[in-house]
Protein backbone atom coordinates (compact mmCIF):
# COMPACT_ATOMS: atom_id res chain seq x y z
CA MET A 1 0.00 0.00 0.00
CA THR A 2 1.30 3.44 -0.90
CA LEU A 3 0.81 6.33 1.46
CA LEU A 4 0.29 9.89 0.27
CA SER A 5 3.31 10.96 2.30
CA GLN A 6 5.61 8.73 0.26
CA ASP A 7 7.39 10.21 -2.71
CA LEU A 8 5.65 8.68 -5.73
CA SER A 9 7.62 10.71 -8.24
CA ARG A 10 10.58 8.33 -7.98
CA THR A 11 8.52 5.16 -7.85
CA ARG A 12 8.23 3.41 -11.17
CA ILE A 13 5.02 1.69 -12.14
CA PRO A 14 5.63 -1.88 -13.24
CA GLY A 15 4.91 -2.88 -16.84
CA PRO A 16 1.67 -4.05 -18.45
CA GLU A 17 0.29 -5.87 -15.39
CA VAL A 18 -0.68 -2.56 -13.78
CA GLU A 19 -4.33 -1.68 -14.19
CA PRO A 20 -4.99 1.44 -16.27
CA GLU A 21 -7.16 2.86 -13.49
CA LEU A 22 -4.31 2.64 -11.00
CA ALA A 23 -1.94 4.34 -13.44
CA GLN A 24 -4.46 7.16 -13.91
CA ARG A 25 -4.83 7.58 -10.17
CA VAL A 26 -1.06 7.76 -9.70
CA ARG A 27 -0.77 10.38 -12.46
CA ALA A 28 -3.60 12.38 -10.89
CA LEU A 29 -1.91 12.28 -7.46
CA ARG A 30 1.40 13.37 -8.95
CA ARG A 31 -0.30 16.20 -10.83
CA ALA A 32 -2.15 17.30 -7.69
CA ARG A 33 1.07 17.30 -5.67
CA ARG A 34 2.91 19.28 -8.37
CA ASP A 35 0.05 21.80 -8.59
CA ALA A 36 -0.01 22.19 -4.80
CA ARG A 37 3.73 22.83 -4.74
CA THR A 38 3.39 25.39 -7.52
CA ARG A 39 0.55 27.18 -5.70
CA ALA A 40 2.51 27.19 -2.45
CA ALA A 41 5.56 28.65 -4.18
CA ARG A 42 3.47 31.39 -5.78
CA VAL A 43 1.84 32.27 -2.47
CA ARG A 44 5.24 32.30 -0.78
CA ARG A 45 6.64 34.62 -3.45
CA ALA A 46 3.63 36.92 -3.17
CA LEU A 47 3.87 37.09 0.62
CA LEU A 48 7.63 37.69 0.57
CA ALA A 49 7.55 40.19 -2.28
CA PRO A 50 8.96 43.60 -1.38
CA THR A 51 6.44 46.37 -0.99
CA SER A 52 6.87 49.89 -2.27
CA ALA A 53 8.56 52.34 0.05
CA GLY A 54 6.48 55.07 1.59
CA GLU A 55 3.29 55.17 3.55
CA PRO A 56 1.82 51.78 4.33
CA TYR A 57 -1.63 53.15 3.51
CA GLY A 58 -2.70 55.80 1.03
CA PRO A 59 -3.90 59.23 2.10
CA ARG A 60 -7.26 59.28 3.77
CA PRO A 61 -9.96 60.73 1.50
CA ASP A 62 -11.86 63.82 2.60
CA ARG A 63 -15.21 63.10 4.12
CA HIS A 64 -18.06 64.57 2.16
CA THR A 65 -21.27 64.65 4.09
CA SER A 66 -24.51 66.41 3.44
CA MET A 67 -24.78 67.46 7.07
CA PRO A 68 -23.12 70.73 8.14
CA VAL A 69 -20.14 70.46 10.48
CA ARG A 70 -20.71 72.10 13.90
């Protein structure tokens, strides 16, 4: 039995005796793992990206109200 925590990318599927459904499942798991790693790397890059220098927030807009100020 293969656990999800095991590295399937280096495991070779034996020849023709492997069921096509199992081969599809293994490919799907590998693709899902690769996609998850890619997403994690993109999130990491976005979170660690440098921000522009200056004020952390833009200037506060003037408040326009219809009521007179006392």
